[in-house]
Amino acid sequence: MKLYPTLATVCSMLSIAVFAPAAPSTGSAFYGDAPDAHHPWAVHDQNRPQPKRVEPGTFSTAAQPGKPPSDAIILFDGTAASLAKWESDTKPGTPNQATKWIVRDGALECVPKSGYVRTKEQFADCQLHVEWAAPTAVEGDSQGRGNSGIFLMGIAEVQVLDNYNNPTYADGFAASVYGINPPMANALRAPGEFQVYDIVFRRPVYRNGEVIDAGRVTVFCNGVLMQDATPLEGPGGHMKRSVPIEFPSQGPLKLQDHGNPVRYRNIWYRPLPPRAIEGGTDGVLTAEATTAKRHEIATQLRTDAGTLSGTARMLRFAESLCYENEAATATQVEALADEYIERLKKLSGAALDAKKGEAKSVQRALAYLQKNKILTAPYAPKTQLDALTKAQGWDEVKK
């Protein structure tokens, strides 16, 4: 007995076919402006890496520290156990020593006259989150009130100071790059309340003794912008004009003992990717770095093409030419395009009409390569394909 599907079954099948979610689009080949001497990817390039997924944290409140994002490296989480990540800031060549700072009520508290404290871990470019609180009991004024400091790589200082109704010299104000640049505002809460610093730090970069990037610091205090990519003029410091110096590749985070029992909590950082000047992809790349990246992409596409067949194989090889116009690959693309057009010529009627979309895709790819001078005009396969699509009355892509 032959069984026929019920109407409900047919509707269900149609629903799956029509409403099934499509694969997400990450861009298209042969679409935006092609790669150039300083941009290894095309505009809207489907081969450009997707941003990694990071679960966001939560904001801090006066009573409770926030939760760090999922990829943060925790330096202090309020527990006595995390104190093991810190040590006294001893002089070079002397043995490392445990810090005398204490953990009290979930905060790392400076013990006056015990010395600076530093992380055992060393790092450089980063997004840094630090929360601090000056003593509730107000004592002293100007630089003598709730004073400490955050030393990036142990060198450049972002000032910590109780400036709530407490004037001082501007380049030593809370959230200043100490001795270099004052903050743009005073957004401090009252003494005893935790202040939230979010810092983006890029160290100076030197090459052959010459500075090629002075480095910069961006600081938010309680959500208010204080430093907007402020260039570093060296380490900063007290009384003397700072001069540029070459920073090491990595360094610790240091917290200053300035004789006040300042408290810290919720300290974490996220490493930042290298800049273009360091061989990374953050910003406009050098010609050398761009060439290397384009070669890497083209090699991967050629490898991928080797696993494909038919039109997909030809288009993937053609796509690789956008990144590296390798002569052998260009020859292979031309041969595959010739074979494709010969196959089209053997078709007619409905069989040929069924190839309309595919043919237009190939035509679009060849037009893109020719427009961007990757293939030299006139290009025989494109000329033949243009003639064929015109004869069929298919809409032509722009030349």
Protein backbone atom coordinates (compact mmCIF):
# COMPACT_ATOMS: atom_id res chain seq x y z
CA MET A 1 0.00 0.00 0.00
CA LYS A 2 1.38 3.37 -1.00
CA LEU A 3 1.38 5.91 1.83
CA TYR A 4 0.93 9.60 1.09
CA PRO A 5 2.04 12.35 3.45
CA THR A 6 -0.70 14.14 5.32
CA LEU A 7 -1.34 17.85 4.77
CA ALA A 8 0.17 18.57 8.19
CA THR A 9 3.34 16.70 7.24
CA VAL A 10 3.65 18.60 3.95
CA CYS A 11 3.17 21.93 5.73
CA SER A 12 5.79 20.95 8.28
CA MET A 13 8.25 20.03 5.51
CA LEU A 14 7.60 23.32 3.72
CA SER A 15 8.06 25.22 6.98
CA ILE A 16 11.45 23.62 7.50
CA ALA A 17 12.50 24.34 3.92
CA VAL A 18 11.26 27.92 3.82
CA PHE A 19 11.86 29.14 7.35
CA ALA A 20 15.01 27.25 8.34
CA PRO A 21 17.60 29.82 9.41
CA ALA A 22 20.23 30.59 6.79
CA ALA A 23 23.92 30.47 7.58
CA PRO A 24 25.08 33.90 8.80
CA SER A 25 26.75 36.06 6.17
CA THR A 26 30.28 37.12 6.99
CA GLY A 27 30.81 39.00 3.73
CA SER A 28 31.26 38.14 0.09
CA ALA A 29 34.17 37.55 -2.21
CA PHE A 30 34.67 39.99 -5.09
CA TYR A 31 32.65 42.73 -3.37
CA GLY A 32 34.36 45.62 -1.53
CA ASP A 33 37.52 47.46 -2.53
CA ALA A 34 40.42 45.05 -2.93
CA PRO A 35 43.39 44.71 -0.55
CA ASP A 36 46.13 47.28 -1.08
CA ALA A 37 49.66 48.04 0.07
CA HIS A 38 48.64 48.76 3.68
CA HIS A 39 45.39 46.79 4.04
CA PRO A 40 45.66 43.01 3.72
CA TRP A 41 41.89 42.56 3.61
CA ALA A 42 39.28 43.84 1.19
CA VAL A 43 36.55 46.13 2.47
CA HIS A 44 33.83 43.87 3.99
CA ASP A 45 36.16 40.90 3.55
CA GLN A 46 34.66 37.50 4.38
CA ASN A 47 38.15 36.21 5.21
CA ARG A 48 38.81 38.77 7.93
CA PRO A 49 38.78 37.03 11.33
CA GLN A 50 35.63 37.32 13.40
CA PRO A 51 35.96 39.10 16.76
CA LYS A 52 36.36 36.66 19.62
CA ARG A 53 33.44 36.23 21.97
CA VAL A 54 33.91 37.80 25.42
CA GLU A 55 31.21 37.61 28.06
CA PRO A 56 30.86 41.10 29.53
CA GLY A 57 31.26 41.72 33.21
CA THR A 58 29.08 43.82 35.49
CA PHE A 59 29.53 47.35 36.79
CA SER A 60 30.73 48.05 40.29
CA THR A 61 28.55 49.71 42.91
CA ALA A 62 29.57 51.61 45.99
CA ALA A 63 29.01 48.49 48.07
CA GLN A 64 30.09 45.74 45.70
CA PRO A 65 32.83 45.33 43.09
CA GLY A 66 31.69 44.41 39.59
CA LYS A 67 32.35 41.16 37.80
CA PRO A 68 35.27 41.15 35.30
CA PRO A 69 34.73 40.12 31.67
CA SER A 70 35.29 36.46 30.86
CA ASP A 71 38.79 36.87 29.41
CA ALA A 72 40.15 39.12 32.17
CA ILE A 73 43.28 38.13 34.06
CA ILE A 74 42.57 38.65 37.74
CA LEU A 75 45.26 40.36 39.81
CA PHE A 76 43.27 40.91 42.99
CA ASP A 77 39.78 39.57 43.71
CA GLY A 78 39.36 40.53 47.34
CA THR A 79 40.59 37.24 48.80
CA ALA A 80 43.69 36.63 50.86
CA ALA A 81 44.69 33.96 48.33
CA SER A 82 45.11 36.56 45.58
CA LEU A 83 47.69 38.36 47.72
CA ALA A 84 50.06 35.61 46.55
CA LYS A 85 50.12 37.33 43.15
CA TRP A 86 51.86 40.35 44.70
CA GLU A 87 55.26 41.02 46.28
CA SER A 88 57.23 43.88 47.76
CA ASP A 89 58.88 46.15 45.22
CA THR A 90 62.46 45.30 46.10
CA LYS A 91 65.48 46.79 44.38
CA PRO A 92 66.98 44.93 41.38
CA GLY A 93 69.31 42.16 42.46
CA THR A 94 67.74 41.71 45.87
CA PRO A 95 65.63 38.67 46.82
CA ASN A 96 61.88 38.86 46.28
CA GLN A 97 59.88 39.41 49.45
CA ALA A 98 56.24 38.96 50.38
CA THR A 99 54.34 42.22 50.62
CA LYS A 100 53.45 43.70 53.98
CA TRP A 101 50.22 45.14 52.57
CA ILE A 102 47.15 43.50 54.07
CA VAL A 103 43.76 42.26 52.91
CA ARG A 104 40.94 43.81 54.93
CA ASP A 105 37.22 43.62 54.15
CA GLY A 106 37.91 42.43 50.59
CA ALA A 107 40.40 45.19 49.80
CA LEU A 108 44.18 45.30 49.42
CA GLU A 109 45.24 47.97 51.89
CA CYS A 110 48.51 49.87 51.92
CA VAL A 111 50.44 49.62 55.17
CA PRO A 112 52.21 52.98 55.42
CA LYS A 113 56.02 52.83 55.24
CA SER A 114 55.95 49.18 54.05
CA GLY A 115 56.98 50.16 50.52
CA TYR A 116 55.49 49.80 47.08
CA VAL A 117 53.85 46.55 46.03
CA ARG A 118 54.08 44.98 42.56
CA THR A 119 52.55 42.08 40.67
CA LYS A 120 54.63 38.99 40.10
CA GLU A 121 53.07 38.83 36.66
CA GLN A 122 54.50 41.09 33.99
CA PHE A 123 52.65 42.48 31.01
CA ALA A 124 52.52 45.51 28.72
CA ASP A 125 49.73 46.87 26.51
CA CYS A 126 46.46 46.31 28.30
CA GLN A 127 43.02 47.33 29.37
CA LEU A 128 43.39 47.73 33.12
CA HIS A 129 40.64 48.00 35.74
CA VAL A 130 41.48 49.23 39.24
CA GLU A 131 39.17 50.37 42.04
CA TRP A 132 40.57 52.38 44.96
CA ALA A 133 39.35 54.22 48.01
CA ALA A 134 40.99 56.93 50.08
CA PRO A 135 40.52 56.73 53.88
CA THR A 136 37.12 57.79 55.15
CA ALA A 137 38.76 59.88 57.87
CA VAL A 138 40.11 62.96 56.06
CA GLU A 139 43.62 63.93 57.06
CA GLY A 140 46.00 66.32 55.36
CA ASP A 141 45.57 68.31 52.18
CA SER A 142 46.95 68.59 48.65
CA GLN A 143 49.39 65.72 48.02
CA GLY A 144 49.20 64.63 51.65
CA ARG A 145 45.65 63.31 51.48
CA GLY A 146 44.82 59.79 50.27
CA ASN A 147 47.91 59.61 48.07
CA SER A 148 49.02 56.54 46.12
CA GLY A 149 49.69 55.73 42.48
CA ILE A 150 49.24 53.13 39.76
CA PHE A 151 52.49 52.51 37.89
CA LEU A 152 51.99 50.95 34.46
CA MET A 153 54.82 48.51 33.76
CA GLY A 154 56.24 49.92 37.00
CA ILE A 155 57.16 53.13 35.14
CA ALA A 156 54.36 55.49 34.04
CA GLU A 157 52.13 56.70 36.88
CA VAL A 158 48.41 57.34 36.87
CA GLN A 159 47.88 59.34 40.03
CA VAL A 160 45.71 58.17 42.92
CA LEU A 161 44.79 61.03 45.27
CA ASP A 162 41.82 62.17 47.33
CA ASN A 163 40.91 65.35 45.44
CA TYR A 164 37.33 65.51 46.68
CA ASN A 165 37.23 69.18 47.70
CA ASN A 166 41.02 69.09 47.84
CA PRO A 167 42.93 71.22 45.30
CA THR A 168 46.51 70.38 44.30
CA TYR A 169 48.82 71.07 41.34
CA ALA A 170 46.95 70.05 38.20
CA ASP A 171 49.45 67.54 36.81
CA GLY A 172 49.43 65.72 40.15
CA PHE A 173 45.64 65.52 40.40
CA ALA A 174 43.79 62.20 40.63
CA ALA A 175 43.72 60.51 37.19
CA SER A 176 46.59 62.66 35.93
CA VAL A 177 49.51 61.12 34.09
CA TYR A 178 51.69 62.29 36.93
CA GLY A 179 53.97 65.19 36.11
CA ILE A 180 52.84 65.14 32.46
CA ASN A 181 49.14 65.79 31.90
CA PRO A 182 46.25 66.80 34.19
CA PRO A 183 42.89 65.02 33.96
CA MET A 184 40.12 66.69 31.97
CA ALA A 185 37.75 66.68 34.95
CA ASN A 186 37.32 65.87 38.62
CA ALA A 187 34.77 63.04 38.89
CA LEU A 188 35.76 61.71 42.30
CA ARG A 189 33.32 60.38 44.87
CA ALA A 190 33.60 61.25 48.54
CA PRO A 191 36.46 59.86 50.67
CA GLY A 192 35.90 56.26 51.72
CA GLU A 193 33.90 55.45 48.57
CA PHE A 194 35.56 53.38 45.89
CA GLN A 195 36.70 55.17 42.73
CA VAL A 196 36.77 53.18 39.49
CA TYR A 197 39.66 53.61 37.05
CA ASP A 198 39.51 52.05 33.60
CA ILE A 199 42.80 52.48 31.78
CA VAL A 200 43.91 51.68 28.25
CA PHE A 201 47.69 51.61 28.03
CA ARG A 202 50.00 51.39 25.03
CA ARG A 203 53.70 51.37 25.83
CA PRO A 204 56.24 53.38 23.80
CA VAL A 205 57.76 51.45 20.92
CA TYR A 206 61.32 52.03 19.75
CA ARG A 207 63.19 50.64 16.77
CA ASN A 208 66.96 50.94 16.44
CA GLY A 209 66.96 53.48 19.24
CA GLU A 210 64.36 55.70 17.56
CA VAL A 211 60.83 56.17 18.88
CA ILE A 212 58.20 55.06 16.37
CA ASP A 213 55.24 55.29 18.76
CA ALA A 214 55.42 57.48 21.88
CA GLY A 215 52.87 55.34 23.68
CA ARG A 216 49.60 56.61 25.10
CA VAL A 217 47.28 56.35 28.08
CA THR A 218 43.50 56.64 28.18
CA VAL A 219 41.85 56.89 31.59
CA PHE A 220 38.21 56.88 32.70
CA CYS A 221 37.37 57.71 36.31
CA ASN A 222 33.92 56.60 37.44
CA GLY A 223 32.89 56.44 33.79
CA VAL A 224 34.12 59.96 32.94
CA LEU A 225 36.94 60.41 30.42
CA MET A 226 40.06 61.84 32.08
CA GLN A 227 42.88 61.11 29.61
CA ASP A 228 42.16 60.78 25.89
CA ALA A 229 45.05 58.79 24.38
CA THR A 230 47.52 61.09 26.16
CA PRO A 231 51.01 60.64 24.65
CA LEU A 232 53.66 59.49 27.09
CA GLU A 233 56.63 61.78 27.50
CA GLY A 234 58.60 59.17 29.34
CA PRO A 235 57.94 57.92 32.88
CA GLY A 236 56.80 61.22 34.40
CA GLY A 237 57.96 61.99 37.91
CA HIS A 238 58.30 64.57 40.67
CA MET A 239 59.62 68.08 39.96
CA LYS A 240 61.77 67.15 36.94
CA ARG A 241 60.64 67.39 33.32
CA SER A 242 60.01 63.91 31.93
CA VAL A 243 61.98 62.80 28.86
CA PRO A 244 61.17 59.88 26.54
CA ILE A 245 62.80 56.57 27.41
CA GLU A 246 62.63 53.11 25.90
CA PHE A 247 60.31 50.87 27.92
CA PRO A 248 61.03 47.15 28.33
CA SER A 249 58.84 44.64 26.52
CA GLN A 250 56.99 43.86 29.76
CA GLY A 251 56.82 45.03 33.35
CA PRO A 252 54.80 44.64 36.55
CA LEU A 253 51.91 46.72 37.80
CA LYS A 254 53.03 48.67 40.85
CA LEU A 255 50.97 50.35 43.55
CA GLN A 256 52.54 53.15 45.55
CA ASP A 257 52.99 53.46 49.28
CA HIS A 258 52.85 57.23 49.86
CA GLY A 259 52.17 56.97 53.59
CA ASN A 260 48.37 56.75 53.34
CA PRO A 261 46.27 53.60 53.95
CA VAL A 262 44.66 53.66 50.50
CA ARG A 263 42.63 50.52 49.66
CA TYR A 264 42.37 48.68 46.33
CA ARG A 265 39.92 46.08 45.04
CA ASN A 266 38.82 44.36 41.85
CA ILE A 267 42.09 44.64 39.92
CA TRP A 268 42.19 42.91 36.54
CA TYR A 269 43.55 43.40 33.05
CA ARG A 270 43.04 42.23 29.48
CA PRO A 271 46.11 42.04 27.23
CA LEU A 272 45.77 44.05 24.03
CA PRO A 273 46.86 42.71 20.63
CA PRO A 274 50.08 44.07 19.15
CA ARG A 275 49.87 47.20 17.04
CA ALA A 276 50.67 47.27 13.34
CA ILE A 277 54.09 48.74 14.07
CA GLU A 278 54.85 45.63 16.13
CA GLY A 279 53.68 43.20 13.45
CA GLY A 280 50.08 43.09 14.63
CA THR A 281 46.92 44.18 12.85
CA ASP A 282 45.80 47.04 15.08
CA GLY A 283 45.85 50.02 12.70
CA VAL A 284 47.42 50.58 9.29
CA LEU A 285 50.07 47.96 8.61
CA THR A 286 53.46 48.56 7.07
CA ALA A 287 53.92 47.44 3.47
CA GLU A 288 56.05 44.52 4.64
CA ALA A 289 53.51 43.35 7.23
CA THR A 290 50.67 43.72 4.74
CA THR A 291 52.51 41.64 2.13
CA ALA A 292 53.16 38.91 4.68
CA LYS A 293 49.53 38.83 5.81
CA ARG A 294 48.23 38.80 2.22
CA HIS A 295 50.53 35.88 1.43
CA GLU A 296 49.21 34.02 4.46
CA ILE A 297 45.58 34.54 3.37
CA ALA A 298 46.31 33.60 -0.25
CA THR A 299 48.11 30.43 0.80
CA GLN A 300 45.14 29.35 2.89
CA LEU A 301 42.72 30.03 0.03
CA ARG A 302 44.85 28.06 -2.43
CA THR A 303 44.98 25.17 0.04
CA ASP A 304 41.21 25.36 0.43
CA ALA A 305 40.74 25.47 -3.35
CA GLY A 306 42.66 22.21 -3.63
CA THR A 307 39.92 20.46 -1.66
CA LEU A 308 37.12 21.73 -3.93
CA SER A 309 36.00 20.88 -7.44
CA GLY A 310 34.25 22.49 -10.37
CA THR A 311 33.19 26.13 -10.25
CA ALA A 312 33.85 26.41 -6.51
CA ARG A 313 37.48 25.42 -7.09
CA MET A 314 37.92 28.03 -9.83
CA LEU A 315 36.35 30.82 -7.76
CA ARG A 316 38.42 30.05 -4.68
CA PHE A 317 41.64 30.13 -6.72
CA ALA A 318 40.42 33.39 -8.27
CA GLU A 319 39.75 34.77 -4.79
CA SER A 320 43.33 34.02 -3.75
CA LEU A 321 44.55 36.30 -6.55
CA CYS A 322 43.00 39.27 -4.72
CA TYR A 323 45.63 38.82 -2.01
CA GLU A 324 48.60 37.53 -4.01
CA ASN A 325 48.71 37.62 -7.80
CA GLU A 326 50.76 34.48 -8.18
CA ALA A 327 51.52 33.69 -11.81
CA ALA A 328 50.92 29.93 -11.53
CA THR A 329 47.55 30.47 -9.88
CA ALA A 330 46.55 33.09 -12.46
CA THR A 331 47.34 30.58 -15.21
CA GLN A 332 45.30 27.93 -13.43
CA VAL A 333 42.33 30.27 -13.04
CA GLU A 334 42.41 31.11 -16.75
CA ALA A 335 42.51 27.41 -17.69
CA LEU A 336 39.61 26.60 -15.34
CA ALA A 337 37.62 29.56 -16.67
CA ASP A 338 38.19 28.40 -20.25
CA GLU A 339 36.97 24.91 -19.34
CA TYR A 340 33.92 26.38 -17.61
CA ILE A 341 32.93 28.46 -20.62
CA GLU A 342 33.36 25.49 -22.96
CA ARG A 343 30.99 23.50 -20.75
CA LEU A 344 28.45 26.33 -20.89
CA LYS A 345 28.65 26.48 -24.67
CA LYS A 346 27.61 22.84 -24.88
CA LEU A 347 24.38 23.54 -23.01
CA SER A 348 21.12 24.92 -24.35
CA GLY A 349 17.56 25.58 -23.33
CA ALA A 350 16.56 24.85 -19.76
CA ALA A 351 19.94 23.29 -18.95
CA LEU A 352 21.70 26.53 -19.88
CA ASP A 353 19.12 28.71 -18.13
CA ALA A 354 19.75 26.72 -14.95
CA LYS A 355 23.35 27.99 -15.02
CA LYS A 356 22.38 31.68 -15.14
CA GLY A 357 23.09 32.44 -11.46
CA GLU A 358 26.36 30.55 -11.47
CA ALA A 359 27.51 32.17 -14.71
CA LYS A 360 26.77 35.63 -13.33
CA SER A 361 28.81 34.80 -10.24
CA VAL A 362 31.79 33.84 -12.38
CA GLN A 363 31.27 36.92 -14.57
CA ARG A 364 31.17 39.12 -11.44
CA ALA A 365 34.39 37.57 -10.12
CA LEU A 366 36.26 38.09 -13.40
CA ALA A 367 34.95 41.66 -13.66
CA TYR A 368 36.17 42.35 -10.11
CA LEU A 369 39.64 40.98 -10.84
CA GLN A 370 39.83 43.01 -14.03
CA LYS A 371 38.54 46.20 -12.38
CA ASN A 372 41.24 45.93 -9.70
CA LYS A 373 43.91 45.26 -12.34
CA ILE A 374 44.57 41.79 -10.99
CA LEU A 375 43.76 40.39 -14.42
CA THR A 376 44.87 42.37 -17.44
CA ALA A 377 42.23 43.53 -19.93
CA PRO A 378 41.23 42.21 -22.34
CA TYR A 379 40.87 38.88 -20.56
CA ALA A 380 39.75 36.17 -22.97
CA PRO A 381 37.52 34.12 -20.61
CA LYS A 382 35.68 37.25 -19.48
CA THR A 383 35.22 38.44 -23.05
CA GLN A 384 33.68 35.10 -24.00
CA LEU A 385 31.49 34.98 -20.90
CA ASP A 386 30.24 38.54 -21.53
CA ALA A 387 29.29 37.54 -25.07
CA LEU A 388 27.48 34.43 -23.88
CA THR A 389 25.45 36.24 -21.19
CA LYS A 390 24.55 38.99 -23.66
CA ALA A 391 23.37 36.45 -26.20
CA GLN A 392 21.19 34.81 -23.54
CA GLY A 393 19.71 38.14 -22.50
CA TRP A 394 20.89 37.74 -18.92
CA ASP A 395 21.47 40.88 -16.88
CA GLU A 396 25.11 41.78 -17.11
CA VAL A 397 27.24 42.95 -14.21
CA LYS A 398 28.99 46.30 -14.49
CA LYS A 399 32.31 46.03 -16.26
